[in-house]
Amino acid sequence: MTEDRIQVALADDDVLLREGLASLLERSGFNVVGQCADASLLLALVREQQPELVIVDIRMPPGHSTEGLEAARQIRAEFPGIAILVLSAHVEVEHAMGLLASGQGSGYLLKSRVINVEDFVDTLKRLVRGASVIDPALVAEPGSGARGQVVSREGGISRRT
């Protein structure tokens, strides 16, 4: 860590969201070590910088399907100690559950449901410490397979307990 600041890599093809998130994180005491718009660049960035946290969108170029999630799985396989947050505009329950089950320090939040910056920043710090977080909308999604899990809800963000 640089000056005890959590090192973060960002990947989202929406440049305004990515730049805005980077700015928010820097103002909140994080060190954004790099940002990119596609999964292949994210993998290269993570291999070079080895951040403590990766924030990635699911749908990214070139196919806008699950490239970001596939990159997250690859990062988890290569760097199991890196925390990963999937931050998406889309509910992709079946795809997300595999990543969430892959170990500690993983999470999935819907962009539209992050309503409090302080809670979001706290969630990122908890991810780096090994917590797992899941958006309540995923838990409520029919057929998600998550219904049997114990989930506590705080400020629009749920975490498995």
N, C-alpha and C. Protein backbone atom coordinates (compact mmCIF):
# COMPACT_ATOMS: atom_id res chain seq x y z
N MET A 1 0.84 -1.18 0.00
CA MET A 1 0.00 0.00 0.00
C MET A 1 0.88 1.24 0.00
N THR A 2 0.41 2.26 -0.65
CA THR A 2 1.11 3.53 -0.67
C THR A 2 0.54 4.39 0.45
N GLU A 3 1.41 4.72 1.44
CA GLU A 3 0.97 5.54 2.57
C GLU A 3 -0.30 4.99 3.20
N ASP A 4 -0.40 3.67 3.32
CA ASP A 4 -1.55 2.99 3.90
C ASP A 4 -2.84 3.23 3.13
N ARG A 5 -2.75 3.69 1.90
CA ARG A 5 -3.93 3.87 1.06
C ARG A 5 -4.16 2.58 0.28
N ILE A 6 -5.40 2.13 0.24
CA ILE A 6 -5.74 0.92 -0.49
C ILE A 6 -5.56 1.17 -1.98
N GLN A 7 -4.83 0.27 -2.63
CA GLN A 7 -4.58 0.39 -4.07
C GLN A 7 -5.72 -0.27 -4.84
N VAL A 8 -6.25 0.48 -5.81
CA VAL A 8 -7.44 0.04 -6.54
C VAL A 8 -7.20 0.13 -8.04
N ALA A 9 -7.69 -0.88 -8.78
CA ALA A 9 -7.75 -0.84 -10.23
C ALA A 9 -9.22 -0.81 -10.64
N LEU A 10 -9.56 0.03 -11.61
CA LEU A 10 -10.94 0.20 -12.07
C LEU A 10 -11.07 -0.23 -13.52
N ALA A 11 -12.18 -0.90 -13.83
CA ALA A 11 -12.47 -1.26 -15.22
C ALA A 11 -13.95 -1.07 -15.50
N ASP A 12 -14.23 -0.14 -16.39
CA ASP A 12 -15.60 0.12 -16.83
C ASP A 12 -15.51 0.85 -18.16
N ASP A 13 -16.32 0.46 -19.13
CA ASP A 13 -16.24 1.10 -20.44
C ASP A 13 -16.94 2.45 -20.47
N ASP A 14 -17.67 2.79 -19.43
CA ASP A 14 -18.32 4.10 -19.33
C ASP A 14 -17.31 5.07 -18.72
N VAL A 15 -16.70 5.91 -19.55
CA VAL A 15 -15.60 6.77 -19.12
C VAL A 15 -16.03 7.76 -18.04
N LEU A 16 -17.24 8.28 -18.13
CA LEU A 16 -17.69 9.23 -17.12
C LEU A 16 -17.85 8.55 -15.76
N LEU A 17 -18.43 7.36 -15.76
CA LEU A 17 -18.56 6.63 -14.51
C LEU A 17 -17.19 6.27 -13.95
N ARG A 18 -16.32 5.77 -14.80
CA ARG A 18 -14.97 5.35 -14.37
C ARG A 18 -14.18 6.52 -13.80
N GLU A 19 -14.17 7.65 -14.49
CA GLU A 19 -13.44 8.82 -14.01
C GLU A 19 -14.06 9.37 -12.74
N GLY A 20 -15.39 9.37 -12.68
CA GLY A 20 -16.07 9.85 -11.48
C GLY A 20 -15.78 8.95 -10.29
N LEU A 21 -15.79 7.64 -10.50
CA LEU A 21 -15.48 6.71 -9.43
C LEU A 21 -14.03 6.86 -8.98
N ALA A 22 -13.12 7.03 -9.93
CA ALA A 22 -11.71 7.23 -9.58
C ALA A 22 -11.55 8.49 -8.72
N SER A 23 -12.22 9.55 -9.10
CA SER A 23 -12.14 10.79 -8.33
C SER A 23 -12.72 10.61 -6.93
N LEU A 24 -13.86 9.97 -6.84
CA LEU A 24 -14.48 9.71 -5.55
C LEU A 24 -13.55 8.88 -4.66
N LEU A 25 -12.94 7.85 -5.23
CA LEU A 25 -12.04 6.99 -4.45
C LEU A 25 -10.81 7.75 -3.98
N GLU A 26 -10.23 8.54 -4.86
CA GLU A 26 -9.04 9.33 -4.47
C GLU A 26 -9.40 10.28 -3.33
N ARG A 27 -10.55 10.96 -3.42
CA ARG A 27 -10.99 11.87 -2.36
C ARG A 27 -11.27 11.14 -1.06
N SER A 28 -11.57 9.84 -1.17
CA SER A 28 -11.90 9.04 0.01
C SER A 28 -10.69 8.32 0.58
N GLY A 29 -9.49 8.62 0.05
CA GLY A 29 -8.27 8.06 0.61
C GLY A 29 -7.73 6.82 -0.06
N PHE A 30 -8.30 6.42 -1.19
CA PHE A 30 -7.79 5.27 -1.93
C PHE A 30 -6.74 5.76 -2.93
N ASN A 31 -5.91 4.83 -3.39
CA ASN A 31 -4.92 5.12 -4.42
C ASN A 31 -5.32 4.36 -5.68
N VAL A 32 -5.84 5.05 -6.68
CA VAL A 32 -6.24 4.41 -7.93
C VAL A 32 -4.97 4.22 -8.76
N VAL A 33 -4.53 2.96 -8.88
CA VAL A 33 -3.27 2.66 -9.57
C VAL A 33 -3.45 2.54 -11.07
N GLY A 34 -4.70 2.47 -11.53
CA GLY A 34 -4.95 2.42 -12.96
C GLY A 34 -6.41 2.19 -13.25
N GLN A 35 -6.79 2.56 -14.47
CA GLN A 35 -8.16 2.35 -14.92
C GLN A 35 -8.15 2.03 -16.39
N CYS A 36 -9.16 1.28 -16.81
CA CYS A 36 -9.21 0.85 -18.21
C CYS A 36 -10.65 0.59 -18.61
N ALA A 37 -10.85 0.35 -19.91
CA ALA A 37 -12.19 0.21 -20.46
C ALA A 37 -12.53 -1.19 -20.93
N ASP A 38 -11.59 -2.14 -20.86
CA ASP A 38 -11.93 -3.50 -21.29
C ASP A 38 -11.19 -4.54 -20.46
N ALA A 39 -11.65 -5.78 -20.58
CA ALA A 39 -11.17 -6.86 -19.73
C ALA A 39 -9.70 -7.20 -19.97
N SER A 40 -9.26 -7.21 -21.22
CA SER A 40 -7.87 -7.56 -21.48
C SER A 40 -6.91 -6.53 -20.88
N LEU A 41 -7.28 -5.26 -20.96
CA LEU A 41 -6.45 -4.22 -20.34
C LEU A 41 -6.48 -4.34 -18.81
N LEU A 42 -7.62 -4.75 -18.27
CA LEU A 42 -7.71 -4.95 -16.82
C LEU A 42 -6.75 -6.05 -16.37
N LEU A 43 -6.73 -7.16 -17.08
CA LEU A 43 -5.83 -8.26 -16.71
C LEU A 43 -4.38 -7.80 -16.74
N ALA A 44 -4.00 -7.06 -17.76
CA ALA A 44 -2.63 -6.54 -17.85
C ALA A 44 -2.34 -5.58 -16.69
N LEU A 45 -3.28 -4.71 -16.39
CA LEU A 45 -3.12 -3.75 -15.30
C LEU A 45 -2.93 -4.47 -13.96
N VAL A 46 -3.75 -5.46 -13.70
CA VAL A 46 -3.66 -6.19 -12.43
C VAL A 46 -2.35 -6.95 -12.34
N ARG A 47 -1.93 -7.57 -13.42
CA ARG A 47 -0.66 -8.31 -13.40
C ARG A 47 0.52 -7.37 -13.15
N GLU A 48 0.44 -6.16 -13.66
CA GLU A 48 1.52 -5.19 -13.48
C GLU A 48 1.49 -4.54 -12.10
N GLN A 49 0.33 -4.10 -11.65
CA GLN A 49 0.22 -3.31 -10.42
C GLN A 49 -0.10 -4.12 -9.17
N GLN A 50 -0.76 -5.27 -9.34
CA GLN A 50 -1.21 -6.11 -8.24
C GLN A 50 -1.87 -5.29 -7.13
N PRO A 51 -2.98 -4.65 -7.47
CA PRO A 51 -3.70 -3.83 -6.48
C PRO A 51 -4.32 -4.71 -5.39
N GLU A 52 -4.79 -4.07 -4.36
CA GLU A 52 -5.49 -4.80 -3.29
C GLU A 52 -6.95 -5.01 -3.63
N LEU A 53 -7.49 -4.17 -4.51
CA LEU A 53 -8.91 -4.20 -4.85
C LEU A 53 -9.09 -3.91 -6.33
N VAL A 54 -9.97 -4.68 -6.97
CA VAL A 54 -10.36 -4.45 -8.36
C VAL A 54 -11.86 -4.20 -8.37
N ILE A 55 -12.26 -3.13 -9.04
CA ILE A 55 -13.68 -2.83 -9.24
C ILE A 55 -13.93 -2.95 -10.74
N VAL A 56 -14.86 -3.82 -11.12
CA VAL A 56 -15.05 -4.14 -12.53
C VAL A 56 -16.53 -4.21 -12.88
N ASP A 57 -16.86 -3.75 -14.07
CA ASP A 57 -18.20 -3.89 -14.62
C ASP A 57 -18.30 -5.26 -15.28
N ILE A 58 -19.49 -5.82 -15.34
CA ILE A 58 -19.65 -7.14 -15.98
C ILE A 58 -19.55 -7.02 -17.50
N ARG A 59 -20.33 -6.12 -18.07
CA ARG A 59 -20.43 -6.03 -19.53
C ARG A 59 -19.46 -4.97 -20.05
N MET A 60 -18.46 -5.47 -20.80
CA MET A 60 -17.44 -4.57 -21.35
C MET A 60 -17.10 -5.02 -22.77
N PRO A 61 -16.39 -4.16 -23.51
CA PRO A 61 -15.99 -4.52 -24.87
C PRO A 61 -15.10 -5.77 -24.86
N PRO A 62 -15.08 -6.51 -25.94
CA PRO A 62 -15.72 -6.18 -27.22
C PRO A 62 -17.16 -6.66 -27.35
N GLY A 63 -17.57 -7.67 -26.59
CA GLY A 63 -18.88 -8.26 -26.80
C GLY A 63 -19.99 -7.74 -25.92
N HIS A 64 -19.65 -6.99 -24.90
CA HIS A 64 -20.63 -6.45 -23.95
C HIS A 64 -21.53 -7.54 -23.37
N SER A 65 -20.91 -8.70 -23.06
CA SER A 65 -21.68 -9.75 -22.40
C SER A 65 -21.13 -9.93 -20.98
N THR A 66 -20.22 -10.86 -20.76
CA THR A 66 -19.70 -11.08 -19.41
C THR A 66 -18.17 -10.97 -19.35
N GLU A 67 -17.60 -10.16 -20.21
CA GLU A 67 -16.13 -10.04 -20.25
C GLU A 67 -15.53 -9.60 -18.92
N GLY A 68 -16.18 -8.66 -18.25
CA GLY A 68 -15.66 -8.19 -16.97
C GLY A 68 -15.69 -9.27 -15.91
N LEU A 69 -16.76 -10.03 -15.89
CA LEU A 69 -16.88 -11.13 -14.93
C LEU A 69 -15.85 -12.22 -15.22
N GLU A 70 -15.63 -12.50 -16.49
CA GLU A 70 -14.61 -13.49 -16.85
C GLU A 70 -13.22 -13.01 -16.43
N ALA A 71 -12.95 -11.72 -16.59
CA ALA A 71 -11.67 -11.17 -16.13
C ALA A 71 -11.57 -11.28 -14.61
N ALA A 72 -12.67 -11.03 -13.90
CA ALA A 72 -12.67 -11.16 -12.44
C ALA A 72 -12.34 -12.58 -12.02
N ARG A 73 -12.90 -13.55 -12.71
CA ARG A 73 -12.60 -14.96 -12.40
C ARG A 73 -11.13 -15.26 -12.64
N GLN A 74 -10.58 -14.74 -13.72
CA GLN A 74 -9.16 -14.95 -14.02
C GLN A 74 -8.28 -14.30 -12.95
N ILE A 75 -8.65 -13.11 -12.53
CA ILE A 75 -7.89 -12.42 -11.48
C ILE A 75 -7.95 -13.24 -10.19
N ARG A 76 -9.13 -13.75 -9.84
CA ARG A 76 -9.27 -14.56 -8.64
C ARG A 76 -8.38 -15.80 -8.72
N ALA A 77 -8.31 -16.42 -9.89
CA ALA A 77 -7.48 -17.62 -10.07
C ALA A 77 -5.99 -17.29 -9.93
N GLU A 78 -5.56 -16.18 -10.51
CA GLU A 78 -4.14 -15.81 -10.48
C GLU A 78 -3.72 -15.12 -9.20
N PHE A 79 -4.63 -14.33 -8.63
CA PHE A 79 -4.32 -13.51 -7.45
C PHE A 79 -5.44 -13.66 -6.42
N PRO A 80 -5.50 -14.79 -5.73
CA PRO A 80 -6.62 -15.03 -4.82
C PRO A 80 -6.71 -14.02 -3.67
N GLY A 81 -5.66 -13.28 -3.39
CA GLY A 81 -5.70 -12.31 -2.31
C GLY A 81 -6.25 -10.95 -2.69
N ILE A 82 -6.47 -10.73 -3.98
CA ILE A 82 -7.02 -9.44 -4.42
C ILE A 82 -8.53 -9.45 -4.25
N ALA A 83 -9.05 -8.43 -3.56
CA ALA A 83 -10.50 -8.28 -3.41
C ALA A 83 -11.09 -7.82 -4.74
N ILE A 84 -12.28 -8.32 -5.05
CA ILE A 84 -12.94 -7.99 -6.32
C ILE A 84 -14.37 -7.56 -6.06
N LEU A 85 -14.72 -6.38 -6.58
CA LEU A 85 -16.10 -5.92 -6.55
C LEU A 85 -16.60 -5.82 -7.98
N VAL A 86 -17.66 -6.55 -8.27
CA VAL A 86 -18.36 -6.40 -9.53
C VAL A 86 -19.41 -5.32 -9.29
N LEU A 87 -19.29 -4.24 -10.03
CA LEU A 87 -20.20 -3.10 -9.91
C LEU A 87 -20.90 -2.98 -11.26
N SER A 88 -22.16 -3.36 -11.30
CA SER A 88 -22.84 -3.49 -12.58
C SER A 88 -24.19 -2.79 -12.60
N ALA A 89 -24.64 -2.48 -13.80
CA ALA A 89 -25.98 -1.95 -14.00
C ALA A 89 -26.99 -3.08 -14.21
N HIS A 90 -26.48 -4.31 -14.32
CA HIS A 90 -27.32 -5.46 -14.68
C HIS A 90 -27.30 -6.53 -13.60
N VAL A 91 -28.45 -7.15 -13.41
CA VAL A 91 -28.55 -8.28 -12.50
C VAL A 91 -28.18 -9.53 -13.29
N GLU A 92 -27.08 -10.13 -12.93
CA GLU A 92 -26.59 -11.35 -13.59
C GLU A 92 -26.34 -12.39 -12.50
N VAL A 93 -27.41 -12.87 -11.88
CA VAL A 93 -27.32 -13.70 -10.68
C VAL A 93 -26.49 -14.95 -10.90
N GLU A 94 -26.83 -15.74 -11.90
CA GLU A 94 -26.15 -17.02 -12.06
C GLU A 94 -24.66 -16.83 -12.33
N HIS A 95 -24.30 -15.78 -13.04
CA HIS A 95 -22.88 -15.54 -13.29
C HIS A 95 -22.16 -15.05 -12.03
N ALA A 96 -22.82 -14.23 -11.26
CA ALA A 96 -22.19 -13.63 -10.08
C ALA A 96 -21.96 -14.63 -8.96
N MET A 97 -22.85 -15.58 -8.80
CA MET A 97 -22.74 -16.49 -7.67
C MET A 97 -21.45 -17.30 -7.71
N GLY A 98 -20.98 -17.66 -8.88
CA GLY A 98 -19.72 -18.39 -8.97
C GLY A 98 -18.56 -17.58 -8.42
N LEU A 99 -18.51 -16.31 -8.76
CA LEU A 99 -17.44 -15.45 -8.25
C LEU A 99 -17.58 -15.27 -6.74
N LEU A 100 -18.80 -15.04 -6.28
CA LEU A 100 -19.01 -14.82 -4.86
C LEU A 100 -18.66 -16.06 -4.05
N ALA A 101 -18.85 -17.22 -4.63
CA ALA A 101 -18.52 -18.46 -3.93
C ALA A 101 -17.04 -18.80 -4.01
N SER A 102 -16.28 -18.05 -4.80
CA SER A 102 -14.87 -18.38 -5.03
C SER A 102 -13.94 -17.99 -3.90
N GLY A 103 -14.45 -17.29 -2.92
CA GLY A 103 -13.59 -16.95 -1.80
C GLY A 103 -13.95 -15.64 -1.16
N GLN A 104 -13.20 -15.31 -0.14
CA GLN A 104 -13.42 -14.06 0.57
C GLN A 104 -12.99 -12.89 -0.29
N GLY A 105 -13.45 -11.71 0.12
CA GLY A 105 -13.05 -10.51 -0.59
C GLY A 105 -13.68 -10.39 -1.95
N SER A 106 -14.93 -10.80 -2.06
CA SER A 106 -15.62 -10.67 -3.34
C SER A 106 -17.01 -10.10 -3.11
N GLY A 107 -17.48 -9.32 -4.08
CA GLY A 107 -18.78 -8.72 -3.94
C GLY A 107 -19.40 -8.33 -5.26
N TYR A 108 -20.69 -8.04 -5.20
CA TYR A 108 -21.46 -7.66 -6.37
C TYR A 108 -22.49 -6.63 -5.93
N LEU A 109 -22.39 -5.44 -6.49
CA LEU A 109 -23.35 -4.38 -6.21
C LEU A 109 -23.90 -3.84 -7.53
N LEU A 110 -25.15 -3.42 -7.49
CA LEU A 110 -25.74 -2.75 -8.64
C LEU A 110 -25.44 -1.26 -8.54
N LYS A 111 -24.99 -0.67 -9.63
CA LYS A 111 -24.61 0.74 -9.65
C LYS A 111 -25.75 1.64 -9.16
N SER A 112 -26.94 1.34 -9.60
CA SER A 112 -28.08 2.20 -9.27
C SER A 112 -28.49 2.13 -7.81
N ARG A 113 -28.00 1.14 -7.09
CA ARG A 113 -28.41 0.98 -5.70
C ARG A 113 -27.36 1.46 -4.70
N VAL A 114 -26.24 1.96 -5.18
CA VAL A 114 -25.27 2.57 -4.29
C VAL A 114 -25.77 3.99 -4.03
N ILE A 115 -26.25 4.20 -2.81
CA ILE A 115 -26.93 5.47 -2.53
C ILE A 115 -26.21 6.31 -1.49
N ASN A 116 -25.18 5.78 -0.87
CA ASN A 116 -24.47 6.50 0.17
C ASN A 116 -22.97 6.28 0.00
N VAL A 117 -22.23 7.36 -0.24
CA VAL A 117 -20.79 7.26 -0.49
C VAL A 117 -20.06 6.67 0.71
N GLU A 118 -20.41 7.10 1.89
CA GLU A 118 -19.73 6.61 3.09
C GLU A 118 -19.92 5.10 3.25
N ASP A 119 -21.13 4.60 3.02
CA ASP A 119 -21.39 3.16 3.09
C ASP A 119 -20.61 2.42 2.00
N PHE A 120 -20.56 3.00 0.80
CA PHE A 120 -19.84 2.38 -0.30
C PHE A 120 -18.35 2.27 0.03
N VAL A 121 -17.77 3.34 0.53
CA VAL A 121 -16.34 3.34 0.90
C VAL A 121 -16.09 2.31 1.99
N ASP A 122 -16.97 2.25 2.98
CA ASP A 122 -16.84 1.25 4.05
C ASP A 122 -16.91 -0.16 3.48
N THR A 123 -17.80 -0.37 2.53
CA THR A 123 -17.93 -1.68 1.89
C THR A 123 -16.64 -2.07 1.19
N LEU A 124 -16.02 -1.14 0.48
CA LEU A 124 -14.76 -1.43 -0.20
C LEU A 124 -13.68 -1.83 0.80
N LYS A 125 -13.61 -1.13 1.91
CA LYS A 125 -12.61 -1.45 2.94
C LYS A 125 -12.87 -2.82 3.53
N ARG A 126 -14.14 -3.16 3.74
CA ARG A 126 -14.48 -4.49 4.26
C ARG A 126 -14.11 -5.58 3.26
N LEU A 127 -14.32 -5.32 1.98
CA LEU A 127 -13.91 -6.29 0.96
C LEU A 127 -12.42 -6.57 1.03
N VAL A 128 -11.63 -5.53 1.15
CA VAL A 128 -10.18 -5.70 1.22
C VAL A 128 -9.78 -6.50 2.46
N ARG A 129 -10.55 -6.35 3.53
CA ARG A 129 -10.28 -7.11 4.76
C ARG A 129 -10.82 -8.55 4.68
N GLY A 130 -11.47 -8.90 3.57
CA GLY A 130 -11.91 -10.28 3.38
C GLY A 130 -13.40 -10.52 3.43
N ALA A 131 -14.20 -9.50 3.65
CA ALA A 131 -15.65 -9.68 3.68
C ALA A 131 -16.19 -9.96 2.28
N SER A 132 -17.37 -10.50 2.23
CA SER A 132 -18.09 -10.67 0.97
C SER A 132 -19.36 -9.83 1.06
N VAL A 133 -19.70 -9.15 -0.03
CA VAL A 133 -20.90 -8.32 -0.06
C VAL A 133 -21.74 -8.69 -1.26
N ILE A 134 -23.04 -8.57 -1.08
CA ILE A 134 -23.95 -8.88 -2.18
C ILE A 134 -25.12 -7.91 -2.13
N ASP A 135 -25.50 -7.40 -3.27
CA ASP A 135 -26.62 -6.47 -3.35
C ASP A 135 -27.91 -7.20 -2.98
N PRO A 136 -28.77 -6.56 -2.20
CA PRO A 136 -30.03 -7.19 -1.83
C PRO A 136 -30.87 -7.61 -3.04
N ALA A 137 -30.77 -6.92 -4.15
CA ALA A 137 -31.54 -7.28 -5.34
C ALA A 137 -31.14 -8.65 -5.86
N LEU A 138 -29.90 -9.04 -5.67
CA LEU A 138 -29.46 -10.36 -6.12
C LEU A 138 -30.03 -11.45 -5.22
N VAL A 139 -30.10 -11.16 -3.94
CA VAL A 139 -30.63 -12.13 -2.99
C VAL A 139 -32.11 -12.37 -3.25
N ALA A 140 -32.81 -11.31 -3.65
CA ALA A 140 -34.25 -11.40 -3.88
C ALA A 140 -34.60 -11.94 -5.26
N GLU A 141 -33.62 -12.03 -6.17
CA GLU A 141 -33.88 -12.47 -7.54
C GLU A 141 -34.36 -13.92 -7.55
N PRO A 142 -35.53 -14.20 -8.14
CA PRO A 142 -36.03 -15.58 -8.19
C PRO A 142 -35.02 -16.51 -8.86
N GLY A 143 -34.83 -17.66 -8.25
CA GLY A 143 -33.92 -18.65 -8.83
C GLY A 143 -32.46 -18.33 -8.62
N SER A 144 -32.15 -17.40 -7.73
CA SER A 144 -30.76 -17.00 -7.56
C SER A 144 -29.94 -18.03 -6.81
N GLY A 145 -30.60 -18.91 -6.09
CA GLY A 145 -29.85 -19.86 -5.29
C GLY A 145 -29.32 -19.23 -4.02
N ALA A 146 -29.58 -17.96 -3.81
CA ALA A 146 -29.05 -17.26 -2.65
C ALA A 146 -30.07 -17.16 -1.53
N ARG A 147 -31.26 -17.66 -1.75
CA ARG A 147 -32.33 -17.47 -0.76
C ARG A 147 -32.00 -18.10 0.58
N GLY A 148 -31.23 -19.16 0.63
CA GLY A 148 -30.93 -19.82 1.89
C GLY A 148 -29.82 -19.17 2.67
N GLN A 149 -29.18 -18.17 2.15
CA GLN A 149 -28.06 -17.52 2.83
C GLN A 149 -28.57 -16.50 3.82
N VAL A 150 -27.83 -16.38 4.91
CA VAL A 150 -28.16 -15.37 5.90
C VAL A 150 -27.53 -14.06 5.45
N VAL A 151 -28.33 -13.03 5.34
CA VAL A 151 -27.84 -11.74 4.86
C VAL A 151 -28.33 -10.66 5.81
N SER A 152 -27.41 -9.78 6.21
CA SER A 152 -27.83 -8.63 6.99
C SER A 152 -27.76 -7.42 6.09
N ARG A 153 -28.66 -6.47 6.29
CA ARG A 153 -28.74 -5.31 5.41
C ARG A 153 -28.43 -4.05 6.18
N GLU A 154 -27.53 -3.25 5.61
CA GLU A 154 -27.20 -1.96 6.20
C GLU A 154 -27.09 -0.93 5.09
N GLY A 155 -27.86 0.11 5.15
CA GLY A 155 -27.74 1.22 4.23
C GLY A 155 -27.79 0.88 2.76
N GLY A 156 -28.63 -0.08 2.37
CA GLY A 156 -28.76 -0.42 0.96
C GLY A 156 -27.74 -1.43 0.48
N ILE A 157 -26.83 -1.87 1.36
CA ILE A 157 -25.83 -2.86 0.98
C ILE A 157 -25.99 -4.04 1.92
N SER A 158 -26.03 -5.24 1.36
CA SER A 158 -26.15 -6.43 2.18
C SER A 158 -24.80 -7.13 2.24
N ARG A 159 -24.59 -7.80 3.33
CA ARG A 159 -23.39 -8.62 3.41
C ARG A 159 -23.74 -9.95 4.03
N ARG A 160 -23.06 -10.99 3.56
CA ARG A 160 -23.28 -12.30 4.12
C ARG A 160 -22.65 -12.34 5.50
N THR A 161 -23.35 -12.95 6.42
CA THR A 161 -22.81 -13.04 7.78
C THR A 161 -22.50 -14.46 8.15
